[in-house]
Amino acid sequence: MTERPANLPDPVPDLPAGDRLDRQGSTKATPDSDLRPAPEVPLDRSRAASTWTGLVIGVLVLILLLVFILQNLDPVTMELFAWEFTLPLGVSLLLSAIAGALVMALAGGVRILQIKRAAKRR
């Protein structure tokens, strides 16, 4: 057997079940409930997590749009009032969708302003 050097402290004594050492090294009796693991608390969604999710979805949509445009490169002649121009089919459909979204946003913005004015009057 090897001898223990003199400068090492005494080993920690075995404690009975339910006992633990406090910060000063004395034992304290603890209830058995302290020995059970704490229940996991679900984490709330954060702004960073929502932003990250939105960015990932946005990148996936952009990739789908790029594939759509690249697969629809056939030239199409467009006429608007007196102007006539040629664009790839995918680009013209994308511009049409953007124009429709802008019209929808304009109508929604007008409705929001109406609701705000009505709320201020009350």
PDB file of N, CA and C in Angstrom:
ATOM      1  N   MET A   1       0.823  -1.169   0.000  1.00  0.00           N
ATOM      2  CA  MET A   1       0.000   0.000   0.000  1.00  0.00           C
ATOM      3  C   MET A   1       0.872   1.238   0.000  1.00  0.00           C
ATOM      4  N   THR A   2       0.378   2.293  -0.636  1.00  0.00           N
ATOM      5  CA  THR A   2       1.157   3.534  -0.685  1.00  0.00           C
ATOM      6  C   THR A   2       0.714   4.454   0.439  1.00  0.00           C
ATOM      7  N   GLU A   3       1.654   5.215   0.919  1.00  0.00           N
ATOM      8  CA  GLU A   3       1.307   6.178   1.967  1.00  0.00           C
ATOM      9  C   GLU A   3       0.794   7.454   1.347  1.00  0.00           C
ATOM     10  N   ARG A   4      -0.130   8.084   2.055  1.00  0.00           N
ATOM     11  CA  ARG A   4      -0.695   9.334   1.603  1.00  0.00           C
ATOM     12  C   ARG A   4       0.185  10.468   2.088  1.00  0.00           C
ATOM     13  N   PRO A   5       0.497  11.456   1.170  1.00  0.00           N
ATOM     14  CA  PRO A   5       1.328  12.569   1.621  1.00  0.00           C
ATOM     15  C   PRO A   5       0.637  13.342   2.733  1.00  0.00           C
ATOM     16  N   ALA A   6       1.414  13.954   3.596  1.00  0.00           N
ATOM     17  CA  ALA A   6       0.885  14.653   4.771  1.00  0.00           C
ATOM     18  C   ALA A   6       0.145  15.929   4.412  1.00  0.00           C
ATOM     19  N   ASN A   7       0.432  16.551   3.267  1.00  0.00           N
ATOM     20  CA  ASN A   7      -0.209  17.831   2.948  1.00  0.00           C
ATOM     21  C   ASN A   7      -1.601  17.673   2.333  1.00  0.00           C
ATOM     22  N   LEU A   8      -2.078  16.453   2.052  1.00  0.00           N
ATOM     23  CA  LEU A   8      -3.419  16.257   1.511  1.00  0.00           C
ATOM     24  C   LEU A   8      -4.437  16.220   2.637  1.00  0.00           C
ATOM     25  N   PRO A   9      -5.634  16.831   2.402  1.00  0.00           N
ATOM     26  CA  PRO A   9      -6.673  16.774   3.431  1.00  0.00           C
ATOM     27  C   PRO A   9      -7.241  15.368   3.545  1.00  0.00           C
ATOM     28  N   ASP A  10      -7.941  15.136   4.650  1.00  0.00           N
ATOM     29  CA  ASP A  10      -8.589  13.844   4.849  1.00  0.00           C
ATOM     30  C   ASP A  10      -9.648  13.643   3.770  1.00  0.00           C
ATOM     31  N   PRO A  11      -9.847  12.424   3.321  1.00  0.00           N
ATOM     32  CA  PRO A  11     -10.886  12.175   2.318  1.00  0.00           C
ATOM     33  C   PRO A  11     -12.260  12.475   2.910  1.00  0.00           C
ATOM     34  N   VAL A  12     -13.186  12.799   2.035  1.00  0.00           N
ATOM     35  CA  VAL A  12     -14.555  13.109   2.460  1.00  0.00           C
ATOM     36  C   VAL A  12     -15.186  11.829   2.977  1.00  0.00           C
ATOM     37  N   PRO A  13     -15.770  11.872   4.158  1.00  0.00           N
ATOM     38  CA  PRO A  13     -16.393  10.660   4.692  1.00  0.00           C
ATOM     39  C   PRO A  13     -17.637  10.302   3.896  1.00  0.00           C
ATOM     40  N   ASP A  14     -17.986   9.029   3.880  1.00  0.00           N
ATOM     41  CA  ASP A  14     -19.222   8.605   3.223  1.00  0.00           C
ATOM     42  C   ASP A  14     -20.393   9.146   4.026  1.00  0.00           C
ATOM     43  N   LEU A  15     -21.349   9.753   3.299  1.00  0.00           N
ATOM     44  CA  LEU A  15     -22.518  10.336   3.959  1.00  0.00           C
ATOM     45  C   LEU A  15     -23.703   9.411   3.788  1.00  0.00           C
ATOM     46  N   PRO A  16     -24.560   9.347   4.794  1.00  0.00           N
ATOM     47  CA  PRO A  16     -25.769   8.539   4.643  1.00  0.00           C
ATOM     48  C   PRO A  16     -26.672   9.149   3.563  1.00  0.00           C
ATOM     49  N   ALA A  17     -27.558   8.329   3.008  1.00  0.00           N
ATOM     50  CA  ALA A  17     -28.472   8.812   1.968  1.00  0.00           C
ATOM     51  C   ALA A  17     -29.308   9.957   2.525  1.00  0.00           C
ATOM     52  N   GLY A  18     -29.472  10.991   1.769  1.00  0.00           N
ATOM     53  CA  GLY A  18     -30.267  12.134   2.189  1.00  0.00           C
ATOM     54  C   GLY A  18     -29.442  13.227   2.828  1.00  0.00           C
ATOM     55  N   ASP A  19     -28.151  12.983   3.128  1.00  0.00           N
ATOM     56  CA  ASP A  19     -27.302  14.012   3.711  1.00  0.00           C
ATOM     57  C   ASP A  19     -26.410  14.598   2.622  1.00  0.00           C
ATOM     58  N   ARG A  20     -26.015  15.860   2.778  1.00  0.00           N
ATOM     59  CA  ARG A  20     -25.086  16.490   1.852  1.00  0.00           C
ATOM     60  C   ARG A  20     -24.239  17.485   2.610  1.00  0.00           C
ATOM     61  N   LEU A  21     -23.142  17.867   2.008  1.00  0.00           N
ATOM     62  CA  LEU A  21     -22.277  18.864   2.626  1.00  0.00           C
ATOM     63  C   LEU A  21     -22.741  20.256   2.244  1.00  0.00           C
ATOM     64  N   ASP A  22     -22.787  21.175   3.219  1.00  0.00           N
ATOM     65  CA  ASP A  22     -23.063  22.566   2.872  1.00  0.00           C
ATOM     66  C   ASP A  22     -21.732  23.247   2.590  1.00  0.00           C
ATOM     67  N   ARG A  23     -21.722  24.558   2.415  1.00  0.00           N
ATOM     68  CA  ARG A  23     -20.500  25.263   2.027  1.00  0.00           C
ATOM     69  C   ARG A  23     -19.420  25.214   3.107  1.00  0.00           C
ATOM     70  N   GLN A  24     -19.784  25.063   4.348  1.00  0.00           N
ATOM     71  CA  GLN A  24     -18.793  25.005   5.411  1.00  0.00           C
ATOM     72  C   GLN A  24     -18.291  23.586   5.654  1.00  0.00           C
ATOM     73  N   GLY A  25     -18.841  22.612   4.961  1.00  0.00           N
ATOM     74  CA  GLY A  25     -18.369  21.247   5.112  1.00  0.00           C
ATOM     75  C   GLY A  25     -19.163  20.433   6.113  1.00  0.00           C
ATOM     76  N   SER A  26     -20.161  21.022   6.779  1.00  0.00           N
ATOM     77  CA  SER A  26     -20.971  20.228   7.709  1.00  0.00           C
ATOM     78  C   SER A  26     -22.100  19.563   6.931  1.00  0.00           C
ATOM     79  N   THR A  27     -22.657  18.524   7.543  1.00  0.00           N
ATOM     80  CA  THR A  27     -23.721  17.793   6.854  1.00  0.00           C
ATOM     81  C   THR A  27     -25.058  18.375   7.243  1.00  0.00           C
ATOM     82  N   LYS A  28     -25.974  18.290   6.290  1.00  0.00           N
ATOM     83  CA  LYS A  28     -27.337  18.746   6.515  1.00  0.00           C
ATOM     84  C   LYS A  28     -28.266  17.657   6.021  1.00  0.00           C
ATOM     85  N   ALA A  29     -29.290  17.376   6.767  1.00  0.00           N
ATOM     86  CA  ALA A  29     -30.275  16.407   6.298  1.00  0.00           C
ATOM     87  C   ALA A  29     -31.146  17.102   5.261  1.00  0.00           C
ATOM     88  N   THR A  30     -31.355  16.445   4.130  1.00  0.00           N
ATOM     89  CA  THR A  30     -32.210  17.013   3.084  1.00  0.00           C
ATOM     90  C   THR A  30     -33.296  16.025   2.751  1.00  0.00           C
ATOM     91  N   PRO A  31     -34.430  16.520   2.373  1.00  0.00           N
ATOM     92  CA  PRO A  31     -35.503  15.592   2.000  1.00  0.00           C
ATOM     93  C   PRO A  31     -35.147  14.869   0.703  1.00  0.00           C
ATOM     94  N   ASP A  32     -35.802  13.748   0.493  1.00  0.00           N
ATOM     95  CA  ASP A  32     -35.539  12.948  -0.696  1.00  0.00           C
ATOM     96  C   ASP A  32     -35.892  13.696  -1.981  1.00  0.00           C
ATOM     97  N   SER A  33     -36.781  14.710  -1.898  1.00  0.00           N
ATOM     98  CA  SER A  33     -37.177  15.435  -3.105  1.00  0.00           C
ATOM     99  C   SER A  33     -36.006  16.199  -3.705  1.00  0.00           C
ATOM    100  N   ASP A  34     -34.981  16.542  -2.901  1.00  0.00           N
ATOM    101  CA  ASP A  34     -33.818  17.243  -3.437  1.00  0.00           C
ATOM    102  C   ASP A  34     -32.988  16.331  -4.327  1.00  0.00           C
ATOM    103  N   LEU A  35     -33.156  15.030  -4.182  1.00  0.00           N
ATOM    104  CA  LEU A  35     -32.360  14.104  -4.956  1.00  0.00           C
ATOM    105  C   LEU A  35     -32.935  13.875  -6.348  1.00  0.00           C
ATOM    106  N   ARG A  36     -34.210  14.220  -6.549  1.00  0.00           N
ATOM    107  CA  ARG A  36     -34.836  14.046  -7.856  1.00  0.00           C
ATOM    108  C   ARG A  36     -34.410  15.176  -8.777  1.00  0.00           C
ATOM    109  N   PRO A  37     -34.264  14.905 -10.071  1.00  0.00           N
ATOM    110  CA  PRO A  37     -33.906  15.985 -10.994  1.00  0.00           C
ATOM    111  C   PRO A  37     -35.068  16.963 -11.149  1.00  0.00           C
ATOM    112  N   ALA A  38     -34.727  18.215 -11.340  1.00  0.00           N
ATOM    113  CA  ALA A  38     -35.756  19.241 -11.525  1.00  0.00           C
ATOM    114  C   ALA A  38     -36.456  19.006 -12.858  1.00  0.00           C
ATOM    115  N   PRO A  39     -37.773  19.269 -12.908  1.00  0.00           N
ATOM    116  CA  PRO A  39     -38.481  19.081 -14.175  1.00  0.00           C
ATOM    117  C   PRO A  39     -37.972  20.083 -15.210  1.00  0.00           C
ATOM    118  N   GLU A  40     -37.937  19.649 -16.463  1.00  0.00           N
ATOM    119  CA  GLU A  40     -37.474  20.528 -17.524  1.00  0.00           C
ATOM    120  C   GLU A  40     -38.540  21.574 -17.818  1.00  0.00           C
ATOM    121  N   VAL A  41     -38.118  22.810 -17.936  1.00  0.00           N
ATOM    122  CA  VAL A  41     -39.022  23.910 -18.246  1.00  0.00           C
ATOM    123  C   VAL A  41     -38.880  24.214 -19.732  1.00  0.00           C
ATOM    124  N   PRO A  42     -39.996  24.236 -20.482  1.00  0.00           N
ATOM    125  CA  PRO A  42     -39.877  24.530 -21.909  1.00  0.00           C
ATOM    126  C   PRO A  42     -39.421  25.974 -22.115  1.00  0.00           C
ATOM    127  N   LEU A  43     -38.553  26.178 -23.106  1.00  0.00           N
ATOM    128  CA  LEU A  43     -38.053  27.510 -23.392  1.00  0.00           C
ATOM    129  C   LEU A  43     -39.038  28.266 -24.267  1.00  0.00           C
ATOM    130  N   ASP A  44     -39.208  29.546 -23.980  1.00  0.00           N
ATOM    131  CA  ASP A  44     -40.051  30.389 -24.808  1.00  0.00           C
ATOM    132  C   ASP A  44     -39.298  30.734 -26.080  1.00  0.00           C
ATOM    133  N   ARG A  45     -40.046  31.010 -27.134  1.00  0.00           N
ATOM    134  CA  ARG A  45     -39.417  31.432 -28.388  1.00  0.00           C
ATOM    135  C   ARG A  45     -38.867  32.831 -28.211  1.00  0.00           C
ATOM    136  N   SER A  46     -37.713  33.072 -28.754  1.00  0.00           N
ATOM    137  CA  SER A  46     -37.099  34.385 -28.667  1.00  0.00           C
ATOM    138  C   SER A  46     -37.185  35.082 -30.018  1.00  0.00           C
ATOM    139  N   ARG A  47     -36.886  36.367 -30.021  1.00  0.00           N
ATOM    140  CA  ARG A  47     -36.884  37.108 -31.283  1.00  0.00           C
ATOM    141  C   ARG A  47     -35.804  36.580 -32.210  1.00  0.00           C
ATOM    142  N   ALA A  48     -34.675  36.221 -31.637  1.00  0.00           N
ATOM    143  CA  ALA A  48     -33.581  35.710 -32.458  1.00  0.00           C
ATOM    144  C   ALA A  48     -33.989  34.403 -33.140  1.00  0.00           C
ATOM    145  N   ALA A  49     -34.667  33.531 -32.414  1.00  0.00           N
ATOM    146  CA  ALA A  49     -35.113  32.263 -32.999  1.00  0.00           C
ATOM    147  C   ALA A  49     -36.144  32.504 -34.098  1.00  0.00           C
ATOM    148  N   SER A  50     -37.057  33.425 -33.864  1.00  0.00           N
ATOM    149  CA  SER A  50     -38.067  33.745 -34.877  1.00  0.00           C
ATOM    150  C   SER A  50     -37.421  34.373 -36.104  1.00  0.00           C
ATOM    151  N   THR A  51     -36.445  35.263 -35.887  1.00  0.00           N
ATOM    152  CA  THR A  51     -35.749  35.893 -37.008  1.00  0.00           C
ATOM    153  C   THR A  51     -34.999  34.849 -37.815  1.00  0.00           C
ATOM    154  N   TRP A  52     -34.316  33.946 -37.137  1.00  0.00           N
ATOM    155  CA  TRP A  52     -33.559  32.897 -37.818  1.00  0.00           C
ATOM    156  C   TRP A  52     -34.494  32.030 -38.632  1.00  0.00           C
ATOM    157  N   THR A  53     -35.631  31.640 -38.066  1.00  0.00           N
ATOM    158  CA  THR A  53     -36.596  30.812 -38.776  1.00  0.00           C
ATOM    159  C   THR A  53     -37.124  31.543 -40.006  1.00  0.00           C
ATOM    160  N   GLY A  54     -37.437  32.825 -39.850  1.00  0.00           N
ATOM    161  CA  GLY A  54     -37.917  33.619 -40.976  1.00  0.00           C
ATOM    162  C   GLY A  54     -36.882  33.737 -42.075  1.00  0.00           C
ATOM    163  N   LEU A  55     -35.624  33.920 -41.689  1.00  0.00           N
ATOM    164  CA  LEU A  55     -34.562  34.017 -42.693  1.00  0.00           C
ATOM    165  C   LEU A  55     -34.382  32.708 -43.455  1.00  0.00           C
ATOM    166  N   VAL A  56     -34.446  31.592 -42.749  1.00  0.00           N
ATOM    167  CA  VAL A  56     -34.304  30.295 -43.416  1.00  0.00           C
ATOM    168  C   VAL A  56     -35.452  30.075 -44.398  1.00  0.00           C
ATOM    169  N   ILE A  57     -36.664  30.387 -43.981  1.00  0.00           N
ATOM    170  CA  ILE A  57     -37.818  30.237 -44.879  1.00  0.00           C
ATOM    171  C   ILE A  57     -37.690  31.178 -46.068  1.00  0.00           C
ATOM    172  N   GLY A  58     -37.240  32.416 -45.826  1.00  0.00           N
ATOM    173  CA  GLY A  58     -37.045  33.375 -46.905  1.00  0.00           C
ATOM    174  C   GLY A  58     -36.015  32.900 -47.919  1.00  0.00           C
ATOM    175  N   VAL A  59     -34.919  32.329 -47.444  1.00  0.00           N
ATOM    176  CA  VAL A  59     -33.892  31.816 -48.355  1.00  0.00           C
ATOM    177  C   VAL A  59     -34.447  30.657 -49.179  1.00  0.00           C
ATOM    178  N   LEU A  60     -35.225  29.782 -48.557  1.00  0.00           N
ATOM    179  CA  LEU A  60     -35.822  28.670 -49.304  1.00  0.00           C
ATOM    180  C   LEU A  60     -36.773  29.174 -50.388  1.00  0.00           C
ATOM    181  N   VAL A  61     -37.574  30.206 -50.079  1.00  0.00           N
ATOM    182  CA  VAL A  61     -38.488  30.784 -51.069  1.00  0.00           C
ATOM    183  C   VAL A  61     -37.695  31.416 -52.210  1.00  0.00           C
ATOM    184  N   LEU A  62     -36.604  32.125 -51.873  1.00  0.00           N
ATOM    185  CA  LEU A  62     -35.782  32.725 -52.923  1.00  0.00           C
ATOM    186  C   LEU A  62     -35.159  31.672 -53.830  1.00  0.00           C
ATOM    187  N   ILE A  63     -34.732  30.565 -53.261  1.00  0.00           N
ATOM    188  CA  ILE A  63     -34.173  29.481 -54.083  1.00  0.00           C
ATOM    189  C   ILE A  63     -35.240  28.927 -55.022  1.00  0.00           C
ATOM    190  N   LEU A  64     -36.466  28.735 -54.506  1.00  0.00           N
ATOM    191  CA  LEU A  64     -37.556  28.257 -55.360  1.00  0.00           C
ATOM    192  C   LEU A  64     -37.858  29.249 -56.475  1.00  0.00           C
ATOM    193  N   LEU A  65     -37.849  30.560 -56.158  1.00  0.00           N
ATOM    194  CA  LEU A  65     -38.081  31.574 -57.189  1.00  0.00           C
ATOM    195  C   LEU A  65     -36.987  31.555 -58.251  1.00  0.00           C
ATOM    196  N   LEU A  66     -35.756  31.407 -57.822  1.00  0.00           N
ATOM    197  CA  LEU A  66     -34.646  31.358 -58.765  1.00  0.00           C
ATOM    198  C   LEU A  66     -34.774  30.158 -59.701  1.00  0.00           C
ATOM    199  N   VAL A  67     -35.109  29.010 -59.149  1.00  0.00           N
ATOM    200  CA  VAL A  67     -35.301  27.820 -59.976  1.00  0.00           C
ATOM    201  C   VAL A  67     -36.450  28.041 -60.954  1.00  0.00           C
ATOM    202  N   PHE A  68     -37.538  28.639 -60.486  1.00  0.00           N
ATOM    203  CA  PHE A  68     -38.698  28.919 -61.348  1.00  0.00           C
ATOM    204  C   PHE A  68     -38.308  29.837 -62.506  1.00  0.00           C
ATOM    205  N   ILE A  69     -37.577  30.910 -62.195  1.00  0.00           N
ATOM    206  CA  ILE A  69     -37.185  31.862 -63.239  1.00  0.00           C
ATOM    207  C   ILE A  69     -36.233  31.208 -64.235  1.00  0.00           C
ATOM    208  N   LEU A  70     -35.266  30.442 -63.722  1.00  0.00           N
ATOM    209  CA  LEU A  70     -34.304  29.802 -64.618  1.00  0.00           C
ATOM    210  C   LEU A  70     -34.944  28.738 -65.511  1.00  0.00           C
ATOM    211  N   GLN A  71     -36.040  28.137 -65.068  1.00  0.00           N
ATOM    212  CA  GLN A  71     -36.721  27.137 -65.890  1.00  0.00           C
ATOM    213  C   GLN A  71     -37.704  27.766 -66.876  1.00  0.00           C
ATOM    214  N   ASN A  72     -37.991  29.062 -66.714  1.00  0.00           N
ATOM    215  CA  ASN A  72     -38.948  29.755 -67.583  1.00  0.00           C
ATOM    216  C   ASN A  72     -38.286  30.969 -68.222  1.00  0.00           C
ATOM    217  N   LEU A  73     -37.297  30.715 -69.056  1.00  0.00           N
ATOM    218  CA  LEU A  73     -36.555  31.796 -69.698  1.00  0.00           C
ATOM    219  C   LEU A  73     -37.052  32.106 -71.112  1.00  0.00           C
ATOM    220  N   ASP A  74     -38.160  31.512 -71.526  1.00  0.00           N
ATOM    221  CA  ASP A  74     -38.709  31.796 -72.853  1.00  0.00           C
ATOM    222  C   ASP A  74     -39.103  33.267 -72.935  1.00  0.00           C
ATOM    223  N   PRO A  75     -38.718  33.960 -74.010  1.00  0.00           N
ATOM    224  CA  PRO A  75     -39.065  35.395 -74.115  1.00  0.00           C
ATOM    225  C   PRO A  75     -40.560  35.601 -74.362  1.00  0.00           C
ATOM    226  N   VAL A  76     -41.109  36.609 -73.717  1.00  0.00           N
ATOM    227  CA  VAL A  76     -42.520  36.954 -73.840  1.00  0.00           C
ATOM    228  C   VAL A  76     -42.598  38.449 -74.129  1.00  0.00           C
ATOM    229  N   THR A  77     -43.428  38.842 -75.092  1.00  0.00           N
ATOM    230  CA  THR A  77     -43.616  40.254 -75.402  1.00  0.00           C
ATOM    231  C   THR A  77     -44.747  40.784 -74.538  1.00  0.00           C
ATOM    232  N   MET A  78     -44.452  41.835 -73.788  1.00  0.00           N
ATOM    233  CA  MET A  78     -45.440  42.453 -72.892  1.00  0.00           C
ATOM    234  C   MET A  78     -45.825  43.818 -73.467  1.00  0.00           C
ATOM    235  N   GLU A  79     -47.088  44.167 -73.328  1.00  0.00           N
ATOM    236  CA  GLU A  79     -47.563  45.486 -73.762  1.00  0.00           C
ATOM    237  C   GLU A  79     -48.238  46.159 -72.589  1.00  0.00           C
ATOM    238  N   LEU A  80     -47.843  47.392 -72.333  1.00  0.00           N
ATOM    239  CA  LEU A  80     -48.446  48.190 -71.269  1.00  0.00           C
ATOM    240  C   LEU A  80     -48.664  49.583 -71.831  1.00  0.00           C
ATOM    241  N   PHE A  81     -49.927  49.932 -72.054  1.00  0.00           N
ATOM    242  CA  PHE A  81     -50.317  51.187 -72.713  1.00  0.00           C
ATOM    243  C   PHE A  81     -49.616  51.272 -74.066  1.00  0.00           C
ATOM    244  N   ALA A  82     -48.715  52.192 -74.257  1.00  0.00           N
ATOM    245  CA  ALA A  82     -48.048  52.338 -75.553  1.00  0.00           C
ATOM    246  C   ALA A  82     -46.692  51.640 -75.577  1.00  0.00           C
ATOM    247  N   TRP A  83     -46.256  51.131 -74.450  1.00  0.00           N
ATOM    248  CA  TRP A  83     -44.935  50.491 -74.390  1.00  0.00           C
ATOM    249  C   TRP A  83     -45.030  49.015 -74.736  1.00  0.00           C
ATOM    250  N   GLU A  84     -43.997  48.549 -75.364  1.00  0.00           N
ATOM    251  CA  GLU A  84     -43.903  47.130 -75.685  1.00  0.00           C
ATOM    252  C   GLU A  84     -42.471  46.695 -75.362  1.00  0.00           C
ATOM    253  N   PHE A  85     -42.363  45.621 -74.594  1.00  0.00           N
ATOM    254  CA  PHE A  85     -41.032  45.143 -74.210  1.00  0.00           C
ATOM    255  C   PHE A  85     -41.055  43.629 -74.090  1.00  0.00           C
ATOM    256  N   THR A  86     -39.868  43.051 -74.163  1.00  0.00           N
ATOM    257  CA  THR A  86     -39.716  41.598 -74.101  1.00  0.00           C
ATOM    258  C   THR A  86     -38.963  41.225 -72.833  1.00  0.00           C
ATOM    259  N   LEU A  87     -39.539  40.282 -72.112  1.00  0.00           N
ATOM    260  CA  LEU A  87     -38.935  39.780 -70.868  1.00  0.00           C
ATOM    261  C   LEU A  87     -39.015  38.261 -70.862  1.00  0.00           C
ATOM    262  N   PRO A  88     -38.154  37.615 -70.077  1.00  0.00           N
ATOM    263  CA  PRO A  88     -38.348  36.169 -69.867  1.00  0.00           C
ATOM    264  C   PRO A  88     -39.668  35.924 -69.122  1.00  0.00           C
ATOM    265  N   LEU A  89     -40.278  34.806 -69.417  1.00  0.00           N
ATOM    266  CA  LEU A  89     -41.586  34.471 -68.826  1.00  0.00           C
ATOM    267  C   LEU A  89     -41.530  34.470 -67.296  1.00  0.00           C
ATOM    268  N   GLY A  90     -40.504  33.851 -66.711  1.00  0.00           N
ATOM    269  CA  GLY A  90     -40.395  33.781 -65.249  1.00  0.00           C
ATOM    270  C   GLY A  90     -40.286  35.153 -64.612  1.00  0.00           C
ATOM    271  N   VAL A  91     -39.521  36.056 -65.246  1.00  0.00           N
ATOM    272  CA  VAL A  91     -39.366  37.419 -64.715  1.00  0.00           C
ATOM    273  C   VAL A  91     -40.679  38.178 -64.813  1.00  0.00           C
ATOM    274  N   SER A  92     -41.382  38.035 -65.923  1.00  0.00           N
ATOM    275  CA  SER A  92     -42.652  38.748 -66.065  1.00  0.00           C
ATOM    276  C   SER A  92     -43.683  38.263 -65.056  1.00  0.00           C
ATOM    277  N   LEU A  93     -43.730  36.960 -64.786  1.00  0.00           N
ATOM    278  CA  LEU A  93     -44.659  36.442 -63.772  1.00  0.00           C
ATOM    279  C   LEU A  93     -44.268  36.928 -62.376  1.00  0.00           C
ATOM    280  N   LEU A  94     -42.971  36.979 -62.105  1.00  0.00           N
ATOM    281  CA  LEU A  94     -42.514  37.487 -60.811  1.00  0.00           C
ATOM    282  C   LEU A  94     -42.888  38.952 -60.641  1.00  0.00           C
ATOM    283  N   LEU A  95     -42.694  39.763 -61.674  1.00  0.00           N
ATOM    284  CA  LEU A  95     -43.064  41.184 -61.601  1.00  0.00           C
ATOM    285  C   LEU A  95     -44.575  41.352 -61.425  1.00  0.00           C
ATOM    286  N   SER A  96     -45.364  40.492 -62.055  1.00  0.00           N
ATOM    287  CA  SER A  96     -46.824  40.539 -61.882  1.00  0.00           C
ATOM    288  C   SER A  96     -47.213  40.218 -60.441  1.00  0.00           C
ATOM    289  N   ALA A  97     -46.555  39.213 -59.851  1.00  0.00           N
ATOM    290  CA  ALA A  97     -46.847  38.860 -58.453  1.00  0.00           C
ATOM    291  C   ALA A  97     -46.453  39.991 -57.516  1.00  0.00           C
ATOM    292  N   ILE A  98     -45.321  40.644 -57.782  1.00  0.00           N
ATOM    293  CA  ILE A  98     -44.891  41.775 -56.943  1.00  0.00           C
ATOM    294  C   ILE A  98     -45.885  42.920 -57.052  1.00  0.00           C
ATOM    295  N   ALA A  99     -46.365  43.206 -58.281  1.00  0.00           N
ATOM    296  CA  ALA A  99     -47.353  44.272 -58.461  1.00  0.00           C
ATOM    297  C   ALA A  99     -48.646  43.952 -57.696  1.00  0.00           C
ATOM    298  N   GLY A 100     -49.079  42.698 -57.739  1.00  0.00           N
ATOM    299  CA  GLY A 100     -50.277  42.303 -56.992  1.00  0.00           C
ATOM    300  C   GLY A 100     -50.080  42.444 -55.493  1.00  0.00           C
ATOM    301  N   ALA A 101     -48.891  42.094 -54.997  1.00  0.00           N
ATOM    302  CA  ALA A 101     -48.609  42.236 -53.562  1.00  0.00           C
ATOM    303  C   ALA A 101     -48.607  43.708 -53.149  1.00  0.00           C
ATOM    304  N   LEU A 102     -48.087  44.587 -54.018  1.00  0.00           N
ATOM    305  CA  LEU A 102     -48.088  46.025 -53.701  1.00  0.00           C
ATOM    306  C   LEU A 102     -49.509  46.588 -53.653  1.00  0.00           C
ATOM    307  N   VAL A 103     -50.364  46.153 -54.569  1.00  0.00           N
ATOM    308  CA  VAL A 103     -51.766  46.595 -54.540  1.00  0.00           C
ATOM    309  C   VAL A 103     -52.439  46.117 -53.258  1.00  0.00           C
ATOM    310  N   MET A 104     -52.190  44.869 -52.868  1.00  0.00           N
ATOM    311  CA  MET A 104     -52.765  44.334 -51.632  1.00  0.00           C
ATOM    312  C   MET A 104     -52.250  45.100 -50.410  1.00  0.00           C
ATOM    313  N   ALA A 105     -50.945  45.413 -50.386  1.00  0.00           N
ATOM    314  CA  ALA A 105     -50.370  46.158 -49.260  1.00  0.00           C
ATOM    315  C   ALA A 105     -50.954  47.558 -49.183  1.00  0.00           C
ATOM    316  N   LEU A 106     -51.177  48.191 -50.336  1.00  0.00           N
ATOM    317  CA  LEU A 106     -51.764  49.529 -50.348  1.00  0.00           C
ATOM    318  C   LEU A 106     -53.186  49.495 -49.786  1.00  0.00           C
ATOM    319  N   ALA A 107     -53.968  48.520 -50.217  1.00  0.00           N
ATOM    320  CA  ALA A 107     -55.344  48.405 -49.705  1.00  0.00           C
ATOM    321  C   ALA A 107     -55.339  48.102 -48.203  1.00  0.00           C
ATOM    322  N   GLY A 108     -54.448  47.231 -47.753  1.00  0.00           N
ATOM    323  CA  GLY A 108     -54.358  46.919 -46.323  1.00  0.00           C
ATOM    324  C   GLY A 108     -53.898  48.123 -45.507  1.00  0.00           C
ATOM    325  N   GLY A 109     -52.955  48.901 -46.047  1.00  0.00           N
ATOM    326  CA  GLY A 109     -52.482  50.098 -45.347  1.00  0.00           C
ATOM    327  C   GLY A 109     -53.579  51.129 -45.184  1.00  0.00           C
ATOM    328  N   VAL A 110     -54.397  51.318 -46.215  1.00  0.00           N
ATOM    329  CA  VAL A 110     -55.523  52.256 -46.122  1.00  0.00           C
ATOM    330  C   VAL A 110     -56.495  51.788 -45.046  1.00  0.00           C
ATOM    331  N   ARG A 111     -56.768  50.502 -44.994  1.00  0.00           N
ATOM    332  CA  ARG A 111     -57.698  49.965 -43.986  1.00  0.00           C
ATOM    333  C   ARG A 111     -57.144  50.143 -42.575  1.00  0.00           C
ATOM    334  N   ILE A 112     -55.851  49.941 -42.392  1.00  0.00           N
ATOM    335  CA  ILE A 112     -55.234  50.128 -41.071  1.00  0.00           C
ATOM    336  C   ILE A 112     -55.353  51.582 -40.633  1.00  0.00           C
ATOM    337  N   LEU A 113     -55.136  52.521 -41.554  1.00  0.00           N
ATOM    338  CA  LEU A 113     -55.285  53.944 -41.214  1.00  0.00           C
ATOM    339  C   LEU A 113     -56.723  54.270 -40.819  1.00  0.00           C
ATOM    340  N   GLN A 114     -57.701  53.694 -41.504  1.00  0.00           N
ATOM    341  CA  GLN A 114     -59.102  53.900 -41.140  1.00  0.00           C
ATOM    342  C   GLN A 114     -59.379  53.400 -39.727  1.00  0.00           C
ATOM    343  N   ILE A 115     -58.870  52.244 -39.390  1.00  0.00           N
ATOM    344  CA  ILE A 115     -59.104  51.677 -38.063  1.00  0.00           C
ATOM    345  C   ILE A 115     -58.429  52.522 -36.990  1.00  0.00           C
ATOM    346  N   LYS A 116     -57.207  53.019 -37.250  1.00  0.00           N
ATOM    347  CA  LYS A 116     -56.509  53.869 -36.274  1.00  0.00           C
ATOM    348  C   LYS A 116     -57.269  55.161 -36.027  1.00  0.00           C
ATOM    349  N   ARG A 117     -57.784  55.782 -37.100  1.00  0.00           N
ATOM    350  CA  ARG A 117     -58.561  57.024 -36.927  1.00  0.00           C
ATOM    351  C   ARG A 117     -59.823  56.779 -36.122  1.00  0.00           C
ATOM    352  N   ALA A 118     -60.502  55.649 -36.395  1.00  0.00           N
ATOM    353  CA  ALA A 118     -61.719  55.318 -35.652  1.00  0.00           C
ATOM    354  C   ALA A 118     -61.401  55.055 -34.175  1.00  0.00           C
ATOM    355  N   ALA A 119     -60.259  54.447 -33.893  1.00  0.00           N
ATOM    356  CA  ALA A 119     -59.886  54.167 -32.509  1.00  0.00           C
ATOM    357  C   ALA A 119     -59.543  55.464 -31.774  1.00  0.00           C
ATOM    358  N   LYS A 120     -58.914  56.421 -32.442  1.00  0.00           N
ATOM    359  CA  LYS A 120     -58.578  57.703 -31.806  1.00  0.00           C
ATOM    360  C   LYS A 120     -59.827  58.505 -31.480  1.00  0.00           C
ATOM    361  N   ARG A 121     -60.835  58.422 -32.317  1.00  0.00           N
ATOM    362  CA  ARG A 121     -62.090  59.171 -32.078  1.00  0.00           C
ATOM    363  C   ARG A 121     -62.796  58.688 -30.811  1.00  0.00           C
ATOM    364  N   ARG A 122     -62.680  57.434 -30.526  1.00  0.00           N
ATOM    365  CA  ARG A 122     -63.359  56.871 -29.358  1.00  0.00           C
ATOM    366  C   ARG A 122     -62.531  57.186 -28.163  1.00  0.00           C
TER     367      ARG A 122
END
